[in-house]
Amino acid sequence: MSDCAGASGGQGQILSVLGLLKRKPSPTGPKAPFKQRFLAWWDGVELQPDDKPAPVVEAAPEPPPPLIKLEPWETPAIKVMQAIWGEGFDSPGGADFALELVKPFAINNSMSVLDFGCGPGGGLRAITKEFDVWTTGVERDKALAELGKLLSTRAGLERKAEVQLYDHENFVTRQGGFDCILSKEGIYKFDQREVILARLENNLKTRGQLTIADYLRADKTLVDDPLLKAAFGNTPPLWTKAEYEKRFTELKFDLRVSEDITDKYRAMALEALDQVTRTRDGKSVIRTFPDDFLKEVESWGRRIAAMEGGALKVFRFYGIKMGSSSLMSNW
């Protein structure tokens, strides 16, 4: 639904989504679940009322959810982000998705793990707790890195699930320091992705394992596609699957998995947007910070529009480092 790409039109459409949350049950039938209504709205179709009318039951009106107060370290944007995606996360999937991505690693507590682009560190801490393993998170965004540090400290994992701010000059100092590296939506933000991937390779031990889940440009999509421009703004042009695979070959990775997970990722995003409207805490966040909620949902609406328009893909890559590369472009 390409109309969602426009900023002004997108806000009106998201407002209509929020209107669905407030719609009262029809006297001729029960209200459809929000996810069904959201998908119908997204596809531009009208839901038909159920054939059988529901019995009319007088019920006391539900009191409005209470307004909430921020902790000293929180901002409205952080509160909304955590309400939608879960504590410590800034994108779909939560702990379950992070653990699924590292499943091929067969992690044991003798290993070391790097999470590159860890955001607020939710996946990092999930891995640490699940496998009793030492992990290091690196995050480019200063605000997310600070939030990750705070949440690791609150969880008693400030050392075992350490979050660091990305340092471009010193990132290559731990040559061969990690058994496994995970990067979830962490590479696409960089304009020199070939260098970043070389640095990740440098940080892996020989036979070390790398999993990347990232946004890609569909093969036949132009770099200036309007759906991608609307979704990512001034982010450097996304790579294609072929560009990723070429770089893995140059860096001597045995690439075992190159999987399109776009449909799964889209479903996880829609599920999170559904769930936040169902809980009292989620409703409180929406009521207290409506502008920040609209901004987050509108942003993800544009990404979903790019996926549904065929311009944007989400891929999972898994490979094993077979030997060190001597390419000058590594550095």
Protein backbone atom coordinates (compact mmCIF):
# COMPACT_ATOMS: atom_id res chain seq x y z
CA MET A 1 0.00 0.00 0.00
CA SER A 2 2.33 2.72 -1.30
CA ASP A 3 0.26 5.63 0.01
CA CYS A 4 1.71 4.88 3.42
CA ALA A 5 5.07 6.11 2.19
CA GLY A 6 3.99 9.73 2.40
CA ALA A 7 4.60 11.39 5.76
CA SER A 8 1.44 13.48 5.83
CA GLY A 9 -0.77 10.72 4.45
CA GLY A 10 0.89 8.20 6.76
CA GLN A 11 -0.06 10.13 9.89
CA GLY A 12 -3.69 10.22 8.83
CA GLN A 13 -3.64 6.48 8.20
CA ILE A 14 -2.04 5.74 11.56
CA LEU A 15 -4.63 7.95 13.20
CA SER A 16 -7.27 5.81 11.54
CA VAL A 17 -5.59 2.75 13.06
CA LEU A 18 -5.82 4.30 16.49
CA GLY A 19 -9.44 5.03 15.75
CA LEU A 20 -9.97 1.31 15.35
CA LEU A 21 -8.90 0.86 18.95
CA LYS A 22 -11.69 3.14 20.15
CA ARG A 23 -14.45 1.76 17.92
CA LYS A 24 -17.32 0.35 19.93
CA PRO A 25 -18.78 -3.08 19.19
CA SER A 26 -21.38 -3.10 16.46
CA PRO A 27 -24.91 -3.85 17.68
CA THR A 28 -25.06 -6.53 14.96
CA GLY A 29 -21.94 -8.40 15.96
CA PRO A 30 -18.75 -8.46 18.00
CA LYS A 31 -15.80 -6.31 17.09
CA ALA A 32 -13.14 -8.16 15.14
CA PRO A 33 -9.72 -8.59 16.80
CA PHE A 34 -7.43 -5.59 16.39
CA LYS A 35 -4.91 -7.53 14.32
CA GLN A 36 -7.64 -8.48 11.86
CA ARG A 37 -8.86 -4.88 11.73
CA PHE A 38 -5.28 -3.59 11.34
CA LEU A 39 -4.59 -5.95 8.43
CA ALA A 40 -7.92 -5.10 6.79
CA TRP A 41 -7.12 -1.40 7.11
CA TRP A 42 -3.62 -2.01 5.72
CA ASP A 43 -4.99 -3.91 2.71
CA GLY A 44 -7.70 -1.31 2.13
CA VAL A 45 -10.66 -3.64 2.53
CA GLU A 46 -13.83 -3.37 4.59
CA LEU A 47 -14.58 -6.03 7.17
CA GLN A 48 -18.03 -7.51 6.87
CA PRO A 49 -20.10 -7.91 10.05
CA ASP A 50 -20.60 -11.42 11.39
CA ASP A 51 -23.70 -13.20 10.13
CA LYS A 52 -24.97 -13.98 13.58
CA PRO A 53 -25.73 -11.02 15.80
CA ALA A 54 -24.14 -11.07 19.20
CA PRO A 55 -26.35 -10.81 22.24
CA VAL A 56 -26.49 -7.33 23.69
CA VAL A 57 -24.89 -7.33 27.11
CA GLU A 58 -24.92 -4.25 29.25
CA ALA A 59 -21.50 -3.81 30.82
CA ALA A 60 -19.95 -1.16 32.95
CA PRO A 61 -17.71 1.11 30.89
CA GLU A 62 -14.03 0.31 31.22
CA PRO A 63 -12.18 3.08 33.07
CA PRO A 64 -9.50 4.81 31.02
CA PRO A 65 -5.97 3.51 31.59
CA PRO A 66 -4.00 5.65 34.03
CA LEU A 67 -1.40 8.14 32.91
CA ILE A 68 2.13 7.07 33.75
CA LYS A 69 5.24 8.80 35.03
CA LEU A 70 8.68 8.44 33.54
CA GLU A 71 11.68 7.19 35.48
CA PRO A 72 14.50 9.77 35.71
CA TRP A 73 16.42 7.96 32.95
CA GLU A 74 13.46 7.52 30.59
CA THR A 75 12.19 9.65 27.74
CA PRO A 76 8.77 9.37 26.09
CA ALA A 77 10.40 7.81 23.01
CA ILE A 78 12.15 5.18 25.13
CA LYS A 79 8.95 4.40 27.03
CA VAL A 80 7.01 3.92 23.79
CA MET A 81 9.76 1.82 22.23
CA GLN A 82 9.92 -0.50 25.23
CA ALA A 83 6.13 -0.77 25.41
CA ILE A 84 5.90 -1.93 21.80
CA TRP A 85 8.99 -4.11 21.43
CA GLY A 86 9.70 -5.16 25.02
CA GLU A 87 12.22 -4.07 27.61
CA GLY A 88 15.68 -3.81 26.07
CA PHE A 89 14.48 -4.01 22.46
CA ASP A 90 14.00 -1.48 19.68
CA SER A 91 12.67 -3.77 16.93
CA PRO A 92 10.47 -6.86 16.44
CA GLY A 93 11.06 -10.33 17.82
CA GLY A 94 12.22 -9.81 21.38
CA ALA A 95 14.22 -12.43 23.27
CA ASP A 96 12.73 -15.35 21.34
CA PHE A 97 13.98 -14.01 18.01
CA ALA A 98 17.45 -13.28 19.39
CA LEU A 99 17.75 -16.82 20.75
CA GLU A 100 16.49 -18.24 17.47
CA LEU A 101 19.16 -16.33 15.54
CA VAL A 102 21.99 -17.74 17.67
CA LYS A 103 20.68 -21.31 17.68
CA PRO A 104 23.17 -22.44 14.96
CA PHE A 105 26.05 -21.36 17.24
CA ALA A 106 25.40 -24.22 19.70
CA ILE A 107 26.61 -21.89 22.47
CA ASN A 108 28.19 -23.22 25.64
CA ASN A 109 29.56 -21.28 28.59
CA SER A 110 33.16 -21.52 27.37
CA MET A 111 32.37 -19.29 24.39
CA SER A 112 32.47 -15.53 23.98
CA VAL A 113 29.76 -13.72 22.02
CA LEU A 114 29.67 -10.27 20.41
CA ASP A 115 26.34 -8.60 19.61
CA PHE A 116 27.11 -5.87 17.06
CA GLY A 117 24.37 -3.26 16.91
CA CYS A 118 22.84 -4.54 20.13
CA GLY A 119 20.47 -1.59 20.67
CA PRO A 120 19.37 -1.46 24.32
CA GLY A 121 20.86 -4.93 24.84
CA GLY A 122 17.75 -7.05 25.32
CA GLY A 123 19.02 -9.80 23.03
CA LEU A 124 22.44 -9.66 24.63
CA ARG A 125 21.05 -10.25 28.12
CA ALA A 126 18.72 -13.00 26.87
CA ILE A 127 21.72 -14.88 25.43
CA THR A 128 23.73 -14.38 28.62
CA LYS A 129 20.94 -15.73 30.80
CA GLU A 130 20.03 -18.63 28.51
CA PHE A 131 23.57 -19.99 28.05
CA ASP A 132 25.45 -18.58 31.09
CA VAL A 133 27.92 -17.04 28.66
CA TRP A 134 29.95 -13.82 28.64
CA THR A 135 28.71 -11.40 26.00
CA THR A 136 29.72 -7.98 24.73
CA GLY A 137 27.32 -5.60 23.02
CA VAL A 138 28.40 -2.77 20.72
CA GLU A 139 25.93 -0.05 19.78
CA ARG A 140 26.44 2.98 17.52
CA ASP A 141 23.56 5.07 18.89
CA LYS A 142 24.70 6.79 22.09
CA ALA A 143 21.24 6.97 23.70
CA LEU A 144 20.56 3.27 23.07
CA ALA A 145 24.03 2.32 24.32
CA GLU A 146 23.47 4.27 27.55
CA LEU A 147 20.08 2.62 28.00
CA GLY A 148 21.67 -0.79 27.40
CA LYS A 149 24.32 -0.14 30.03
CA LEU A 150 21.69 0.92 32.55
CA LEU A 151 19.47 -2.11 31.90
CA SER A 152 22.43 -4.49 32.17
CA THR A 153 23.38 -2.90 35.48
CA ARG A 154 19.81 -3.17 36.78
CA ALA A 155 19.85 -6.86 35.82
CA GLY A 156 23.15 -7.42 37.64
CA LEU A 157 24.88 -8.14 34.31
CA GLU A 158 26.94 -4.99 33.83
CA ARG A 159 30.10 -7.10 33.30
CA LYS A 160 28.73 -10.35 31.92
CA ALA A 161 26.46 -8.58 29.36
CA GLU A 162 28.48 -5.41 28.85
CA VAL A 163 27.22 -2.76 26.41
CA GLN A 164 29.76 -0.47 24.78
CA LEU A 165 29.42 2.56 22.54
CA TYR A 166 30.84 1.82 19.08
CA ASP A 167 34.32 3.31 18.65
CA HIS A 168 35.20 3.48 14.96
CA GLU A 169 38.92 3.92 15.60
CA ASN A 170 39.41 1.11 18.12
CA PHE A 171 36.87 -1.51 17.13
CA VAL A 172 39.49 -3.84 15.60
CA THR A 173 41.63 -4.17 18.75
CA ARG A 174 40.29 -7.64 19.75
CA GLN A 175 41.59 -9.66 16.83
CA GLY A 176 40.24 -13.20 17.08
CA GLY A 177 38.56 -12.36 20.37
CA PHE A 178 35.13 -13.93 19.83
CA ASP A 179 33.74 -17.36 19.07
CA CYS A 180 30.42 -16.00 17.75
CA ILE A 181 29.09 -12.72 16.44
CA LEU A 182 25.44 -11.74 16.05
CA SER A 183 24.30 -8.59 14.26
CA LYS A 184 20.60 -7.84 14.10
CA GLU A 185 19.71 -4.78 12.02
CA GLY A 186 23.16 -3.40 12.79
CA ILE A 187 24.94 -3.27 9.42
CA TYR A 188 22.55 -1.38 7.16
CA LYS A 189 23.12 1.91 9.01
CA PHE A 190 26.79 2.08 7.93
CA ASP A 191 27.94 3.53 4.62
CA GLN A 192 31.14 1.41 4.55
CA ARG A 193 29.56 -1.98 5.10
CA GLU A 194 32.43 -3.82 3.43
CA VAL A 195 34.75 -2.42 6.11
CA ILE A 196 32.37 -3.26 8.96
CA LEU A 197 32.04 -6.86 7.78
CA ALA A 198 35.83 -7.12 7.51
CA ARG A 199 36.15 -5.87 11.06
CA LEU A 200 33.63 -8.43 12.27
CA GLU A 201 35.62 -11.13 10.47
CA ASN A 202 38.78 -9.85 12.16
CA ASN A 203 37.13 -10.15 15.58
CA LEU A 204 36.24 -13.82 15.01
CA LYS A 205 38.44 -16.78 15.79
CA THR A 206 39.13 -19.17 12.93
CA ARG A 207 36.04 -21.37 12.61
CA GLY A 208 34.14 -18.65 14.44
CA GLN A 209 30.48 -18.18 13.53
CA LEU A 210 28.62 -15.13 12.25
CA THR A 211 24.87 -14.52 12.01
CA ILE A 212 23.48 -11.36 10.44
CA ALA A 213 19.81 -10.39 10.16
CA ASP A 214 19.50 -7.18 8.20
CA TYR A 215 17.46 -5.05 5.81
CA LEU A 216 18.19 -5.55 2.11
CA ARG A 217 17.10 -3.95 -1.13
CA ALA A 218 15.19 -6.35 -3.36
CA ASP A 219 17.16 -7.44 -6.43
CA LYS A 220 15.22 -5.39 -9.00
CA THR A 221 14.63 -2.37 -6.77
CA LEU A 222 16.43 0.88 -7.54
CA VAL A 223 18.50 2.52 -4.82
CA ASP A 224 16.26 5.60 -4.94
CA ASP A 225 12.99 3.66 -4.74
CA PRO A 226 10.40 5.94 -3.08
CA LEU A 227 9.25 3.22 -0.68
CA LEU A 228 12.81 2.78 0.60
CA LYS A 229 13.36 6.54 0.78
CA ALA A 230 10.20 6.91 2.85
CA ALA A 231 11.19 4.04 5.15
CA PHE A 232 14.85 4.92 5.73
CA GLY A 233 15.33 8.55 4.81
CA ASN A 234 19.01 9.41 4.39
CA THR A 235 20.33 5.99 5.36
CA PRO A 236 23.00 4.85 2.86
CA PRO A 237 21.52 2.79 -0.02
CA LEU A 238 20.74 -0.73 1.12
CA TRP A 239 22.73 -3.65 -0.22
CA THR A 240 21.18 -6.50 -2.17
CA LYS A 241 21.50 -10.17 -1.31
CA ALA A 242 24.14 -10.54 -4.02
CA GLU A 243 26.28 -7.76 -2.54
CA TYR A 244 26.21 -9.41 0.89
CA GLU A 245 27.05 -12.82 -0.53
CA LYS A 246 29.94 -11.40 -2.57
CA ARG A 247 31.46 -9.83 0.52
CA PHE A 248 31.15 -13.06 2.51
CA THR A 249 33.02 -14.86 -0.27
CA GLU A 250 35.78 -12.21 -0.29
CA LEU A 251 36.18 -12.61 3.48
CA LYS A 252 36.46 -16.42 3.15
CA PHE A 253 33.26 -17.30 4.97
CA ASP A 254 31.58 -20.62 4.38
CA LEU A 255 28.08 -19.18 3.96
CA ARG A 256 25.68 -21.88 5.14
CA VAL A 257 22.40 -19.90 5.25
CA SER A 258 21.05 -17.09 3.07
CA GLU A 259 17.36 -16.95 4.00
CA ASP A 260 14.57 -14.50 3.21
CA ILE A 261 12.72 -13.91 6.50
CA THR A 262 10.70 -10.89 5.37
CA ASP A 263 7.29 -12.46 5.97
CA LYS A 264 8.27 -13.67 9.43
CA TYR A 265 9.70 -10.28 10.35
CA ARG A 266 6.61 -8.44 9.11
CA ALA A 267 4.40 -10.78 11.13
CA MET A 268 6.45 -10.12 14.28
CA ALA A 269 6.11 -6.36 13.77
CA LEU A 270 2.35 -6.58 13.35
CA GLU A 271 2.05 -8.85 16.37
CA ALA A 272 3.89 -6.35 18.56
CA LEU A 273 1.74 -3.47 17.30
CA ASP A 274 -1.30 -5.59 18.12
CA GLN A 275 -0.16 -6.59 21.59
CA VAL A 276 0.67 -3.08 22.78
CA THR A 277 -2.99 -2.14 22.32
CA ARG A 278 -4.26 -5.09 24.37
CA THR A 279 -2.54 -4.57 27.71
CA ARG A 280 -3.41 -1.94 30.29
CA ASP A 281 0.24 -0.85 30.48
CA GLY A 282 0.38 -0.47 26.70
CA LYS A 283 -2.82 1.56 26.66
CA SER A 284 -1.41 3.78 29.40
CA VAL A 285 1.69 4.48 27.31
CA ILE A 286 -0.44 5.29 24.25
CA ARG A 287 -2.68 7.60 26.28
CA THR A 288 0.23 9.36 28.01
CA PHE A 289 2.52 9.78 24.99
CA PRO A 290 0.28 9.78 21.89
CA ASP A 291 2.64 11.84 19.72
CA ASP A 292 5.64 9.58 20.39
CA PHE A 293 3.48 6.51 19.86
CA LEU A 294 2.27 7.87 16.51
CA LYS A 295 5.83 8.61 15.46
CA GLU A 296 7.01 5.07 16.22
CA VAL A 297 4.02 3.37 14.60
CA GLU A 298 4.16 5.64 11.56
CA SER A 299 7.86 4.86 11.09
CA TRP A 300 7.20 1.13 11.20
CA GLY A 301 4.20 1.55 8.95
CA ARG A 302 6.51 2.87 6.23
CA ARG A 303 8.87 -0.09 6.65
CA ILE A 304 5.99 -2.54 6.43
CA ALA A 305 4.74 -0.72 3.32
CA ALA A 306 8.18 -1.15 1.72
CA MET A 307 8.12 -4.87 2.54
CA GLU A 308 4.64 -5.31 1.13
CA GLY A 309 5.58 -3.29 -1.95
CA GLY A 310 8.41 -5.73 -2.63
CA ALA A 311 11.18 -3.13 -2.30
CA LEU A 312 12.45 -4.12 1.16
CA LYS A 313 13.63 -7.54 2.26
CA VAL A 314 14.88 -8.90 5.58
CA PHE A 315 17.48 -11.66 5.27
CA ARG A 316 19.28 -13.97 7.67
CA PHE A 317 22.86 -14.96 6.85
CA TYR A 318 24.87 -17.55 8.75
CA GLY A 319 28.49 -18.38 7.99
CA ILE A 320 31.67 -19.85 9.41
CA LYS A 321 35.06 -18.14 9.17
CA MET A 322 37.41 -20.40 7.24
CA GLY A 323 40.57 -18.30 7.38
CA SER A 324 41.90 -14.77 7.60
CA SER A 325 41.46 -12.46 4.64
CA SER A 326 44.30 -10.23 3.49
CA LEU A 327 42.22 -7.82 1.43
CA MET A 328 43.42 -4.22 1.74
CA SER A 329 39.79 -3.11 1.72
CA ASN A 330 39.34 -4.73 5.13
CA TRP A 331 40.70 -1.64 6.75
